[in-house]
Amino acid sequence: MGIYDEHLDRNAANYQPLTPLTFLSRAALIHPDRTAIVHGSLERSYRDFYARSRRLASALSRRGIGRGETVAVMLSNTPAMLEAHHGVPMAGAVLLSINTRLDAEIIAFQLDHAEAKVVIVDLEFSEVMAEALGKAKAAPLVVDYDDPDFPADAPAKKGEPIGSLEYEALLAEGDPDFDWQMPQNEWDAISLNYTSGTTGNPKGVVYHHRGAALMGYANIVAAGMTGHPVYLWTLPMFHCNGWCFPWTLAVQAGTHVCLRWVRARAMYDAIADHGVTHLCGAPIVMATLINAEENDKRPFTQTVTFNTAAAPPPQAVLAGMRDAGFEVTHLYGLTETYGPAVVNAWKAEWNELDRPGQAARKARQGVRYPALEDLAVMDGRKMEKVPADGETIGEVMFRGNIVMRGYLKNPEASAEAFRGGWFHSGDLGVMHEDGYIELKDRAKDIIISGGENISSIEVENALYLHPAVQTAAVVAKPDDRWGETPLAFVELKPGRAASEEELIAHCRAKLARFKCPKEIRFAEVPKTSTGKIQKYVLRKMIDD
């Protein structure tokens, strides 16, 4: 032992577990009257946001819900969802936020697998939840949430109450001055998120308080959320806990602007009326903004930062966003990394490049998040880093405090995911000389044609450069001669036309001939609720 190992022990005065819950208590102390939440006609201060979250924690505790027990919610981007992100862990419990587009069978599986003790459900989803509860073995307390600002002209309708208690009645049971407890350990679970489950049952990804707190700080830095950020909820909060932004905003006492449905007019109204500075979403949200009808658009004077993940944004979309007043920040991550763990950190000298040059760098995923300790492109068999030459393809791997604890009740899957001391993403990419990674494909999406690897992303980017293409997705089609060939599914922009021959010729002008689609099908491209293209569905359509 050295001199720094003696009489310098950890104690309550110099060590507290990291948790994002202290962000809200601090914001309410410093800015009690600042608007924390906007939802339709409702505006709620930080004082009230904190008090209602404490009421929820108190009510849950009085009903016997405590450390390590699961509280499930099936809610839209509403104030109740924000309160659940704080009130549930304030009670020591773990938040399971259920994807609102899932079917009853999968919901029932999640309720049972997570051993849910409480379910809070928006009336919009009461019908499917009732069906799920009928299939599930779990018998949780069911609480109905009746959104008072549910629009009269909504594209969906409210269902009938299915619970024994209404959300406001539950909160009325709680104490607004509830003395909530810090987590016993920062490694304690704060939330549970299920993967998409495209093959078999989904896996339950467990987040801890430490990672969620670090993501709060890192999101502020990566998204440039200085001053008073105003954040528009276009990203579903059920998706990786909204990339941890439900906790992040309180660091700067920012304002949450809730949005139940992603519609062009509603987004432009919010941006113009509330001075929105930041929003997040998949490329489909960008397309909705830049392809909106002129009468749905509103002018705004501020530059709005749009954080996007999923596939690299096509060059045409990036250019359209800049012209519309949005500054795009490209992020990358997975459910297992708390959402974004990689950011395309923009360099000032890149502003001197022409637009194609800037777009090429914007399309890179980037460098590790401030809260991530290591990011590498590895040869998965040798577990060695590939050369940083921008060409050698390997698997993208992560290491650090914003990697999940593991998969709930699935030690085999956890062990495989953490093999060799790294989290294996399953994504293939290259490392550039400057340390920026660029995805080339999912391991399962690489097309091997005549022994040559073809990146489906590269082919899709070429298709997106055609002015008539709104959405493109490329998958491998079995071929007797070549093994596999690229098959493209394309959605055209409203009012635009293009033939198969025209699009193939367009690709041949931009790609090596062997990379070009051999066939193009015009069809609606299936997407998840967060806008990600479901290639597994397209693969099933190949023989149709």
Protein backbone atom coordinates (compact mmCIF):
# COMPACT_ATOMS: atom_id res chain seq x y z
CA MET A 1 0.00 0.00 0.00
CA GLY A 2 1.13 3.54 -0.77
CA ILE A 3 0.52 6.76 1.10
CA TYR A 4 -2.59 7.45 -1.03
CA ASP A 5 -4.13 4.18 0.08
CA GLU A 6 -4.08 5.05 3.80
CA HIS A 7 -6.73 7.02 5.72
CA LEU A 8 -8.34 8.30 2.51
CA ASP A 9 -11.37 6.03 2.47
CA ARG A 10 -14.60 6.53 0.63
CA ASN A 11 -17.39 7.90 2.87
CA ALA A 12 -20.77 9.60 2.60
CA ALA A 13 -19.16 13.04 2.50
CA ASN A 14 -16.89 12.37 -0.46
CA TYR A 15 -18.74 9.72 -2.44
CA GLN A 16 -22.31 9.40 -3.65
CA PRO A 17 -23.57 7.04 -6.35
CA LEU A 18 -24.09 8.68 -9.71
CA THR A 19 -27.75 8.98 -10.74
CA PRO A 20 -29.62 11.27 -13.14
CA LEU A 21 -32.34 11.81 -10.53
CA THR A 22 -30.31 14.58 -8.88
CA PHE A 23 -30.52 16.59 -12.12
CA LEU A 24 -34.24 17.19 -11.56
CA SER A 25 -33.93 18.09 -7.89
CA ARG A 26 -31.19 20.60 -8.75
CA ALA A 27 -33.18 22.15 -11.60
CA ALA A 28 -36.24 22.53 -9.36
CA LEU A 29 -34.11 24.19 -6.68
CA ILE A 30 -32.42 26.69 -9.01
CA HIS A 31 -35.20 27.30 -11.57
CA PRO A 32 -38.48 26.40 -9.83
CA ASP A 33 -40.59 28.69 -12.02
CA ARG A 34 -38.96 27.90 -15.35
CA THR A 35 -41.15 25.96 -17.78
CA ALA A 36 -40.07 22.31 -17.71
CA ILE A 37 -42.80 20.76 -19.86
CA VAL A 38 -45.05 22.03 -22.64
CA HIS A 39 -47.87 19.76 -23.81
CA GLY A 40 -50.63 21.29 -25.88
CA SER A 41 -52.24 23.93 -23.67
CA LEU A 42 -50.37 22.71 -20.59
CA GLU A 43 -47.21 24.33 -19.25
CA ARG A 44 -45.63 22.82 -16.15
CA SER A 45 -42.84 24.39 -14.08
CA TYR A 46 -39.81 22.60 -12.68
CA ARG A 47 -41.31 23.00 -9.21
CA ASP A 48 -44.42 21.08 -10.28
CA PHE A 49 -42.50 18.54 -12.39
CA TYR A 50 -40.37 17.61 -9.40
CA ALA A 51 -43.33 17.53 -7.01
CA ARG A 52 -45.38 15.29 -9.29
CA SER A 53 -42.45 12.93 -9.81
CA ARG A 54 -42.07 12.68 -6.04
CA ARG A 55 -45.81 12.04 -5.71
CA LEU A 56 -45.49 9.14 -8.14
CA ALA A 57 -42.51 7.72 -6.23
CA SER A 58 -44.36 8.07 -2.94
CA ALA A 59 -47.54 6.45 -4.26
CA LEU A 60 -45.61 3.51 -5.67
CA SER A 61 -43.70 3.07 -2.40
CA ARG A 62 -46.93 3.11 -0.39
CA ARG A 63 -48.21 0.33 -2.60
CA GLY A 64 -45.17 -1.78 -1.82
CA ILE A 65 -43.13 -1.11 -4.96
CA GLY A 66 -39.43 -0.93 -4.16
CA ARG A 67 -35.89 -1.66 -5.20
CA GLY A 68 -35.47 -3.88 -8.21
CA GLU A 69 -39.17 -4.24 -9.02
CA THR A 70 -40.45 -3.44 -12.49
CA VAL A 71 -42.97 -0.71 -13.31
CA ALA A 72 -44.06 -0.88 -16.96
CA VAL A 73 -45.49 2.04 -18.88
CA MET A 74 -47.09 2.19 -22.31
CA LEU A 75 -47.23 5.91 -22.93
CA SER A 76 -46.74 8.42 -25.71
CA ASN A 77 -44.41 11.41 -25.43
CA THR A 78 -46.51 13.02 -22.70
CA PRO A 79 -45.85 14.60 -19.28
CA ALA A 80 -46.71 11.31 -17.59
CA MET A 81 -43.86 9.62 -19.46
CA LEU A 82 -41.39 12.23 -18.21
CA GLU A 83 -42.70 11.84 -14.67
CA ALA A 84 -42.33 8.07 -14.91
CA HIS A 85 -38.66 8.41 -15.88
CA HIS A 86 -38.06 10.13 -12.56
CA GLY A 87 -40.75 8.91 -10.19
CA VAL A 88 -40.28 5.20 -10.86
CA PRO A 89 -36.53 5.11 -10.08
CA MET A 90 -37.08 7.54 -7.17
CA ALA A 91 -39.04 4.66 -5.63
CA GLY A 92 -36.07 2.37 -6.26
CA ALA A 93 -37.96 0.57 -9.01
CA VAL A 94 -36.96 -0.14 -12.62
CA LEU A 95 -38.77 1.51 -15.54
CA LEU A 96 -39.85 -0.64 -18.47
CA SER A 97 -41.10 1.59 -21.29
CA ILE A 98 -43.01 -0.51 -23.81
CA ASN A 99 -42.94 0.21 -27.53
CA THR A 100 -46.42 1.53 -28.34
CA ARG A 101 -46.54 -0.29 -31.71
CA LEU A 102 -46.00 -3.79 -30.40
CA ASP A 103 -48.61 -6.52 -30.66
CA ALA A 104 -50.27 -8.14 -27.67
CA GLU A 105 -48.14 -11.30 -27.83
CA ILE A 106 -44.84 -9.44 -27.47
CA ILE A 107 -46.22 -7.10 -24.81
CA ALA A 108 -47.38 -10.11 -22.78
CA PHE A 109 -43.92 -11.66 -23.10
CA GLN A 110 -42.28 -8.47 -21.82
CA LEU A 111 -44.66 -8.13 -18.87
CA ASP A 112 -43.96 -11.72 -17.84
CA HIS A 113 -40.23 -11.67 -18.49
CA ALA A 114 -39.82 -8.42 -16.54
CA GLU A 115 -42.19 -9.61 -13.76
CA ALA A 116 -44.03 -6.28 -13.95
CA LYS A 117 -45.78 -5.22 -10.74
CA VAL A 118 -47.46 -2.08 -12.16
CA VAL A 119 -48.54 -1.04 -15.65
CA ILE A 120 -49.41 2.55 -16.52
CA VAL A 121 -51.17 2.66 -19.88
CA ASP A 122 -52.35 5.53 -22.07
CA LEU A 123 -55.96 5.08 -23.14
CA GLU A 124 -54.81 5.21 -26.77
CA PHE A 125 -53.24 1.79 -26.20
CA SER A 126 -55.73 0.30 -23.74
CA GLU A 127 -57.18 -2.17 -26.24
CA VAL A 128 -53.89 -3.88 -27.10
CA MET A 129 -52.79 -3.75 -23.45
CA ALA A 130 -56.02 -5.41 -22.36
CA GLU A 131 -55.38 -8.18 -24.88
CA ALA A 132 -51.78 -8.52 -23.66
CA LEU A 133 -52.84 -8.74 -20.03
CA GLY A 134 -55.23 -11.51 -21.01
CA LYS A 135 -52.31 -13.48 -22.45
CA ALA A 136 -49.80 -12.70 -19.68
CA LYS A 137 -49.22 -14.65 -16.50
CA ALA A 138 -48.29 -11.47 -14.66
CA ALA A 139 -51.12 -9.69 -12.83
CA PRO A 140 -49.85 -6.14 -12.29
CA LEU A 141 -51.73 -3.17 -10.89
CA VAL A 142 -53.12 -1.44 -13.99
CA VAL A 143 -53.28 2.36 -14.01
CA ASP A 144 -55.06 4.29 -16.78
CA TYR A 145 -53.60 7.52 -18.14
CA ASP A 146 -56.23 9.78 -19.73
CA ASP A 147 -54.32 12.55 -21.49
CA PRO A 148 -56.26 15.80 -20.95
CA ASP A 149 -54.64 17.30 -24.05
CA PHE A 150 -55.52 14.45 -26.38
CA PRO A 151 -56.36 16.29 -29.64
CA ALA A 152 -59.94 16.24 -30.85
CA ASP A 153 -58.75 15.70 -34.45
CA ALA A 154 -56.29 12.96 -33.48
CA PRO A 155 -55.36 10.25 -36.03
CA ALA A 156 -56.04 7.67 -33.30
CA LYS A 157 -58.81 7.33 -30.73
CA LYS A 158 -58.91 6.76 -27.01
CA GLY A 159 -59.86 3.33 -25.81
CA GLU A 160 -61.86 2.42 -22.73
CA PRO A 161 -60.27 2.39 -19.26
CA ILE A 162 -58.98 -1.06 -18.31
CA GLY A 163 -57.37 -0.36 -14.92
CA SER A 164 -58.50 -0.18 -11.34
CA LEU A 165 -57.06 3.30 -10.88
CA GLU A 166 -56.55 6.50 -12.88
CA TYR A 167 -53.11 8.10 -13.07
CA GLU A 168 -54.06 11.35 -11.34
CA ALA A 169 -55.72 9.35 -8.55
CA LEU A 170 -52.48 7.40 -8.11
CA LEU A 171 -50.51 10.65 -7.84
CA ALA A 172 -53.03 11.99 -5.31
CA GLU A 173 -52.02 9.13 -3.00
CA GLY A 174 -48.43 10.40 -2.99
CA ASP A 175 -46.54 13.02 -1.03
CA PRO A 176 -45.06 15.92 -3.08
CA ASP A 177 -42.34 16.24 -0.41
CA PHE A 178 -41.52 12.51 -0.46
CA ASP A 179 -37.99 11.90 0.79
CA TRP A 180 -36.90 9.76 -2.12
CA GLN A 181 -33.73 7.76 -1.70
CA MET A 182 -30.59 7.70 -3.80
CA PRO A 183 -29.81 4.29 -5.31
CA GLN A 184 -28.00 1.99 -2.91
CA ASN A 185 -25.42 1.50 -5.63
CA GLU A 186 -24.92 3.36 -8.89
CA TRP A 187 -24.84 -0.09 -10.52
CA ASP A 188 -28.51 -0.53 -9.52
CA ALA A 189 -30.85 -0.96 -12.48
CA ILE A 190 -32.72 2.17 -13.52
CA SER A 191 -34.50 0.94 -16.64
CA LEU A 192 -35.17 -2.05 -18.86
CA ASN A 193 -35.38 -1.79 -22.66
CA TYR A 194 -36.22 -4.65 -24.97
CA THR A 195 -34.51 -5.07 -28.31
CA SER A 196 -36.66 -5.27 -31.41
CA GLY A 197 -36.87 -9.06 -31.35
CA THR A 198 -36.65 -9.63 -35.08
CA THR A 199 -35.57 -13.21 -34.45
CA GLY A 200 -37.32 -14.94 -31.57
CA ASN A 201 -38.20 -13.21 -28.33
CA PRO A 202 -36.56 -9.84 -27.67
CA LYS A 203 -33.75 -9.47 -25.15
CA GLY A 204 -34.13 -7.23 -22.11
CA VAL A 205 -31.31 -4.65 -21.93
CA VAL A 206 -30.62 -3.41 -18.40
CA TYR A 207 -29.35 0.15 -17.79
CA HIS A 208 -27.84 1.35 -14.50
CA HIS A 209 -27.96 4.72 -12.73
CA ARG A 210 -24.28 5.42 -13.40
CA GLY A 211 -24.62 5.06 -17.16
CA ALA A 212 -27.80 7.13 -17.27
CA ALA A 213 -26.14 9.95 -15.32
CA LEU A 214 -23.06 9.94 -17.53
CA MET A 215 -25.31 10.00 -20.61
CA GLY A 216 -26.96 13.12 -19.22
CA TYR A 217 -23.69 14.99 -19.17
CA ALA A 218 -22.49 13.49 -22.46
CA ASN A 219 -25.69 14.39 -24.33
CA ILE A 220 -25.31 18.01 -23.25
CA VAL A 221 -21.79 18.10 -24.69
CA ALA A 222 -22.44 16.07 -27.85
CA ALA A 223 -25.61 17.95 -28.79
CA GLY A 224 -24.25 21.39 -27.88
CA MET A 225 -27.05 22.06 -25.39
CA THR A 226 -25.70 25.28 -23.92
CA GLY A 227 -27.84 28.01 -22.41
CA HIS A 228 -31.52 27.10 -22.18
CA PRO A 229 -32.23 24.22 -24.57
CA VAL A 230 -35.78 23.68 -25.81
CA TYR A 231 -36.20 20.07 -26.88
CA LEU A 232 -38.96 18.77 -29.17
CA TRP A 233 -39.97 15.15 -28.52
CA THR A 234 -39.97 13.65 -32.01
CA LEU A 235 -38.01 10.62 -30.80
CA PRO A 236 -40.20 8.11 -28.89
CA MET A 237 -39.29 8.06 -25.22
CA PHE A 238 -39.78 4.30 -25.24
CA HIS A 239 -36.78 3.99 -27.56
CA CYS A 240 -33.64 3.57 -25.38
CA ASN A 241 -35.38 5.83 -22.84
CA GLY A 242 -35.42 8.52 -25.50
CA TRP A 243 -31.62 8.25 -25.76
CA CYS A 244 -31.62 9.32 -22.09
CA PHE A 245 -32.87 12.83 -22.94
CA PRO A 246 -35.76 12.61 -20.42
CA TRP A 247 -33.02 12.88 -17.77
CA THR A 248 -30.60 15.03 -19.78
CA LEU A 249 -32.70 18.19 -20.13
CA ALA A 250 -32.72 18.86 -16.38
CA VAL A 251 -28.93 19.31 -16.37
CA GLN A 252 -29.51 22.68 -18.04
CA ALA A 253 -33.10 23.08 -16.78
CA GLY A 254 -34.23 22.87 -20.38
CA THR A 255 -37.79 22.71 -21.65
CA HIS A 256 -39.44 19.52 -22.92
CA VAL A 257 -41.97 20.13 -25.71
CA CYS A 258 -44.09 16.99 -25.91
CA LEU A 259 -45.41 15.67 -29.21
CA ARG A 260 -47.76 12.72 -29.36
CA TRP A 261 -47.54 12.15 -33.13
CA VAL A 262 -44.77 13.13 -35.54
CA ARG A 263 -46.48 15.28 -38.15
CA ALA A 264 -44.88 18.00 -40.28
CA ARG A 265 -47.24 20.83 -39.30
CA ALA A 266 -47.06 20.01 -35.59
CA MET A 267 -43.25 19.99 -35.71
CA TYR A 268 -43.01 23.31 -37.54
CA ASP A 269 -45.58 24.88 -35.20
CA ALA A 270 -43.62 23.76 -32.15
CA ILE A 271 -40.31 24.97 -33.58
CA ALA A 272 -41.77 28.39 -34.43
CA ASP A 273 -44.00 28.89 -31.36
CA HIS A 274 -41.73 27.53 -28.62
CA GLY A 275 -38.30 28.34 -29.99
CA VAL A 276 -37.21 24.73 -30.23
CA THR A 277 -33.42 24.38 -30.36
CA HIS A 278 -32.97 20.59 -30.50
CA LEU A 279 -34.75 17.46 -31.65
CA CYS A 280 -33.79 13.87 -32.42
CA GLY A 281 -35.01 11.25 -34.83
CA ALA A 282 -34.37 8.79 -37.60
CA PRO A 283 -33.87 9.93 -41.22
CA ILE A 284 -37.61 9.47 -41.83
CA VAL A 285 -38.26 12.45 -39.51
CA MET A 286 -35.87 14.57 -41.56
CA ALA A 287 -37.64 13.50 -44.73
CA THR A 288 -40.98 14.48 -43.16
CA LEU A 289 -39.65 17.96 -42.43
CA ILE A 290 -38.00 18.73 -45.75
CA ASN A 291 -40.72 17.13 -47.90
CA ALA A 292 -43.58 18.83 -46.05
CA GLU A 293 -46.24 20.72 -47.99
CA GLU A 294 -45.53 24.44 -48.09
CA ASN A 295 -48.68 25.26 -46.11
CA ASP A 296 -47.45 22.97 -43.29
CA LYS A 297 -44.14 24.82 -42.92
CA ARG A 298 -43.47 27.79 -40.65
CA PRO A 299 -40.50 30.15 -40.73
CA PHE A 300 -38.15 30.27 -37.74
CA THR A 301 -35.09 32.37 -37.02
CA GLN A 302 -33.05 30.05 -34.79
CA THR A 303 -30.78 27.26 -36.05
CA VAL A 304 -32.20 23.95 -34.88
CA THR A 305 -29.89 21.05 -34.09
CA PHE A 306 -31.25 17.76 -35.39
CA ASN A 307 -29.58 14.70 -33.87
CA THR A 308 -30.02 11.67 -36.07
CA ALA A 309 -28.93 8.07 -35.77
CA ALA A 310 -29.66 4.83 -37.64
CA ALA A 311 -28.35 4.72 -41.21
CA PRO A 312 -26.07 7.51 -42.43
CA PRO A 313 -28.21 10.37 -43.78
CA PRO A 314 -28.13 10.51 -47.59
CA GLN A 315 -26.29 13.51 -49.00
CA ALA A 316 -29.47 14.88 -50.56
CA VAL A 317 -31.25 14.81 -47.20
CA LEU A 318 -28.34 16.53 -45.42
CA ALA A 319 -28.34 19.30 -48.01
CA GLY A 320 -32.11 19.71 -47.73
CA MET A 321 -31.93 19.97 -43.95
CA ARG A 322 -29.25 22.66 -44.07
CA ASP A 323 -31.29 24.66 -46.56
CA ALA A 324 -34.33 24.39 -44.26
CA GLY A 325 -32.44 25.79 -41.24
CA PHE A 326 -31.45 22.57 -39.46
CA GLU A 327 -27.93 21.62 -38.40
CA VAL A 328 -27.62 17.83 -38.47
CA THR A 329 -25.50 16.02 -35.89
CA HIS A 330 -24.95 12.39 -36.78
CA LEU A 331 -24.97 9.96 -33.83
CA TYR A 332 -24.65 6.21 -33.63
CA GLY A 333 -25.31 3.62 -30.98
CA LEU A 334 -27.51 0.73 -29.98
CA THR A 335 -30.05 -0.12 -27.32
CA GLU A 336 -27.18 -1.80 -25.48
CA THR A 337 -25.21 1.49 -25.35
CA TYR A 338 -27.99 3.69 -23.91
CA GLY A 339 -28.71 4.96 -27.41
CA PRO A 340 -26.03 7.22 -28.96
CA ALA A 341 -22.47 6.39 -27.93
CA VAL A 342 -20.69 7.77 -31.00
CA VAL A 343 -20.87 11.31 -32.37
CA ASN A 344 -19.70 12.85 -35.63
CA ALA A 345 -17.68 15.59 -33.94
CA TRP A 346 -17.53 18.27 -36.61
CA LYS A 347 -14.21 19.98 -37.34
CA ALA A 348 -14.07 23.64 -38.32
CA GLU A 349 -11.79 22.97 -41.29
CA TRP A 350 -14.45 20.75 -42.84
CA ASN A 351 -16.56 23.88 -43.38
CA GLU A 352 -14.14 24.79 -46.18
CA LEU A 353 -15.02 21.63 -48.14
CA ASP A 354 -17.57 21.65 -50.94
CA ARG A 355 -20.99 20.20 -50.21
CA PRO A 356 -20.22 16.65 -51.38
CA GLY A 357 -17.06 16.70 -49.26
CA GLN A 358 -18.95 17.89 -46.20
CA ALA A 359 -21.72 15.36 -46.77
CA ALA A 360 -19.18 12.53 -46.99
CA ARG A 361 -17.85 13.47 -43.57
CA LYS A 362 -21.32 14.00 -42.15
CA ALA A 363 -22.14 10.45 -43.15
CA ARG A 364 -19.43 9.05 -40.89
CA GLN A 365 -20.63 7.83 -37.51
CA GLY A 366 -17.67 9.51 -35.80
CA VAL A 367 -15.75 9.17 -32.56
CA ARG A 368 -16.63 7.90 -29.10
CA TYR A 369 -19.05 9.83 -26.89
CA PRO A 370 -17.53 11.80 -23.99
CA ALA A 371 -18.88 9.11 -21.62
CA LEU A 372 -17.51 6.12 -23.58
CA GLU A 373 -14.06 4.82 -22.71
CA ASP A 374 -13.16 3.00 -25.92
CA LEU A 375 -14.43 2.43 -29.44
CA ALA A 376 -12.77 0.17 -31.97
CA VAL A 377 -13.19 -1.67 -35.25
CA MET A 378 -12.01 -5.22 -34.62
CA ASP A 379 -11.34 -8.47 -36.37
CA GLY A 380 -13.94 -10.47 -34.45
CA ARG A 381 -12.09 -13.77 -34.75
CA LYS A 382 -8.64 -12.57 -33.68
CA MET A 383 -10.01 -9.82 -31.40
CA GLU A 384 -7.47 -7.40 -32.85
CA LYS A 385 -8.02 -3.88 -34.15
CA VAL A 386 -8.09 -3.56 -37.93
CA PRO A 387 -5.83 -1.02 -39.68
CA ALA A 388 -7.11 2.56 -39.64
CA ASP A 389 -7.06 2.79 -43.42
CA GLY A 390 -10.73 3.49 -44.16
CA GLU A 391 -10.96 0.25 -46.13
CA THR A 392 -10.46 -2.79 -43.89
CA ILE A 393 -13.85 -3.91 -42.63
CA GLY A 394 -14.29 -5.21 -39.09
CA GLU A 395 -16.90 -5.31 -36.34
CA VAL A 396 -17.58 -2.14 -34.34
CA MET A 397 -17.06 -2.75 -30.62
CA PHE A 398 -17.59 -0.69 -27.48
CA ARG A 399 -16.12 -0.60 -23.99
CA GLY A 400 -17.14 1.70 -21.15
CA ASN A 401 -19.65 2.93 -18.60
CA ILE A 402 -22.47 3.48 -21.08
CA VAL A 403 -22.59 -0.16 -22.07
CA MET A 404 -25.51 -2.11 -20.60
CA ARG A 405 -25.21 -4.29 -17.50
CA GLY A 406 -26.34 -7.20 -19.65
CA TYR A 407 -29.45 -9.00 -20.86
CA LEU A 408 -32.05 -9.78 -18.20
CA LYS A 409 -32.25 -13.51 -17.36
CA ASN A 410 -30.06 -14.35 -20.36
CA PRO A 411 -26.49 -15.03 -19.21
CA GLU A 412 -25.59 -16.87 -22.42
CA ALA A 413 -26.49 -13.89 -24.61
CA SER A 414 -24.69 -11.51 -22.23
CA ALA A 415 -21.53 -13.62 -22.31
CA GLU A 416 -21.56 -13.72 -26.11
CA ALA A 417 -22.17 -9.96 -26.35
CA PHE A 418 -19.22 -9.25 -24.00
CA ARG A 419 -16.86 -11.85 -25.47
CA GLY A 420 -13.23 -10.80 -25.19
CA GLY A 421 -13.98 -7.87 -22.91
CA TRP A 422 -15.76 -5.80 -25.56
CA PHE A 423 -19.40 -5.30 -26.43
CA HIS A 424 -19.94 -6.73 -29.92
CA SER A 425 -22.33 -4.49 -31.89
CA GLY A 426 -22.87 -6.77 -34.89
CA ASP A 427 -22.25 -3.72 -37.10
CA LEU A 428 -19.50 -3.73 -39.71
CA GLY A 429 -17.43 -0.68 -40.41
CA VAL A 430 -14.02 0.83 -41.11
CA MET A 431 -11.73 3.04 -39.06
CA HIS A 432 -10.41 6.12 -40.85
CA GLU A 433 -6.92 7.44 -40.27
CA ASP A 434 -8.29 10.34 -38.20
CA GLY A 435 -10.01 7.97 -35.76
CA TYR A 436 -13.54 8.36 -37.13
CA ILE A 437 -15.51 5.18 -37.76
CA GLU A 438 -17.83 4.69 -40.69
CA LEU A 439 -20.43 1.96 -40.81
CA LYS A 440 -20.57 -0.22 -43.87
CA ASP A 441 -23.42 -2.52 -42.87
CA ARG A 442 -24.90 -4.84 -40.33
CA ALA A 443 -23.03 -8.14 -40.43
CA LYS A 444 -26.19 -9.81 -41.70
CA ASP A 445 -26.80 -7.10 -44.34
CA ILE A 446 -23.53 -7.34 -46.27
CA ILE A 447 -24.23 -8.69 -49.78
CA ILE A 448 -21.64 -11.16 -51.06
CA SER A 449 -21.84 -11.27 -54.84
CA GLY A 450 -19.32 -13.33 -56.78
CA GLY A 451 -17.04 -13.28 -53.76
CA GLU A 452 -17.14 -9.48 -53.49
CA ASN A 453 -18.61 -7.66 -50.48
CA ILE A 454 -21.24 -5.06 -51.33
CA SER A 455 -22.38 -2.56 -48.71
CA SER A 456 -26.15 -2.14 -48.85
CA ILE A 457 -25.69 1.33 -47.34
CA GLU A 458 -23.47 2.40 -50.24
CA VAL A 459 -26.08 1.28 -52.78
CA GLU A 460 -28.88 2.99 -50.81
CA ASN A 461 -26.91 6.26 -50.71
CA ALA A 462 -26.58 6.16 -54.49
CA LEU A 463 -30.34 5.66 -54.86
CA TYR A 464 -31.07 8.55 -52.48
CA LEU A 465 -29.19 10.89 -54.81
CA HIS A 466 -31.96 10.44 -57.38
CA PRO A 467 -34.44 13.32 -56.94
CA ALA A 468 -37.51 11.05 -57.09
CA VAL A 469 -36.43 8.63 -54.34
CA GLN A 470 -37.87 9.15 -50.87
CA THR A 471 -36.91 5.81 -49.22
CA ALA A 472 -34.56 3.08 -50.38
CA ALA A 473 -33.61 -0.25 -48.82
CA VAL A 474 -31.30 -2.83 -50.36
CA VAL A 475 -31.14 -6.52 -49.42
CA ALA A 476 -29.43 -9.60 -50.81
CA LYS A 477 -31.37 -11.73 -53.27
CA PRO A 478 -30.17 -15.32 -53.84
CA ASP A 479 -28.69 -15.80 -57.30
CA ASP A 480 -27.68 -19.07 -58.93
CA ARG A 481 -24.68 -17.55 -60.66
CA TRP A 482 -23.41 -14.89 -58.26
CA GLY A 483 -24.59 -16.29 -54.92
CA GLU A 484 -26.31 -13.01 -54.07
CA THR A 485 -27.19 -9.82 -55.92
CA PRO A 486 -28.56 -6.49 -54.66
CA LEU A 487 -32.34 -6.09 -54.68
CA ALA A 488 -33.66 -2.59 -53.98
CA PHE A 489 -37.06 -1.66 -52.55
CA VAL A 490 -37.92 1.97 -53.32
CA GLU A 491 -40.59 4.44 -52.25
CA LEU A 492 -40.93 7.46 -54.53
CA LYS A 493 -41.66 10.97 -53.36
CA PRO A 494 -45.28 12.07 -53.77
CA GLY A 495 -45.88 13.35 -57.28
CA ARG A 496 -42.55 12.08 -58.60
CA ALA A 497 -41.98 9.25 -61.09
CA ALA A 498 -39.05 7.01 -62.03
CA SER A 499 -38.77 3.68 -63.77
CA GLU A 500 -36.71 0.66 -62.76
CA GLU A 501 -34.46 1.16 -65.78
CA GLU A 502 -33.91 4.81 -64.93
CA LEU A 503 -32.89 4.06 -61.34
CA ILE A 504 -30.54 1.24 -62.31
CA ALA A 505 -28.89 3.52 -64.88
CA HIS A 506 -28.61 6.20 -62.21
CA CYS A 507 -26.78 3.74 -59.92
CA ARG A 508 -24.44 2.63 -62.71
CA ALA A 509 -23.33 6.23 -63.12
CA LYS A 510 -22.27 6.34 -59.46
CA LEU A 511 -21.20 2.80 -58.52
CA ALA A 512 -19.14 -0.06 -59.84
CA ARG A 513 -21.42 -2.15 -62.04
CA PHE A 514 -21.32 -5.23 -59.78
CA LYS A 515 -22.66 -3.14 -56.87
CA CYS A 516 -25.73 -1.91 -58.72
CA PRO A 517 -29.18 -3.39 -58.05
CA LYS A 518 -30.15 -6.08 -60.50
CA GLU A 519 -33.81 -5.47 -59.67
CA ILE A 520 -35.84 -2.62 -58.19
CA ARG A 521 -39.28 -3.04 -56.68
CA PHE A 522 -41.54 -0.10 -55.96
CA ALA A 523 -43.27 -0.69 -52.65
CA GLU A 524 -43.86 0.80 -49.23
CA VAL A 525 -40.73 0.10 -47.20
CA PRO A 526 -41.63 -1.34 -43.75
CA LYS A 527 -40.26 0.61 -40.79
CA THR A 528 -40.19 0.35 -37.01
CA SER A 529 -41.92 2.91 -34.81
CA THR A 530 -38.64 4.84 -34.65
CA GLY A 531 -38.26 4.96 -38.43
CA LYS A 532 -35.69 2.21 -38.85
CA ILE A 533 -36.14 0.11 -41.96
CA GLN A 534 -37.11 -3.50 -41.22
CA LYS A 535 -34.90 -5.43 -43.61
CA TYR A 536 -35.95 -8.76 -42.15
CA VAL A 537 -39.47 -8.03 -43.45
CA LEU A 538 -38.08 -7.17 -46.88
CA ARG A 539 -36.16 -10.46 -46.96
CA LYS A 540 -39.44 -12.29 -46.46
CA MET A 541 -40.85 -10.39 -49.45
CA ILE A 542 -38.08 -11.47 -51.85
CA ASP A 543 -39.99 -14.46 -53.22
CA ASP A 544 -43.35 -12.68 -53.34
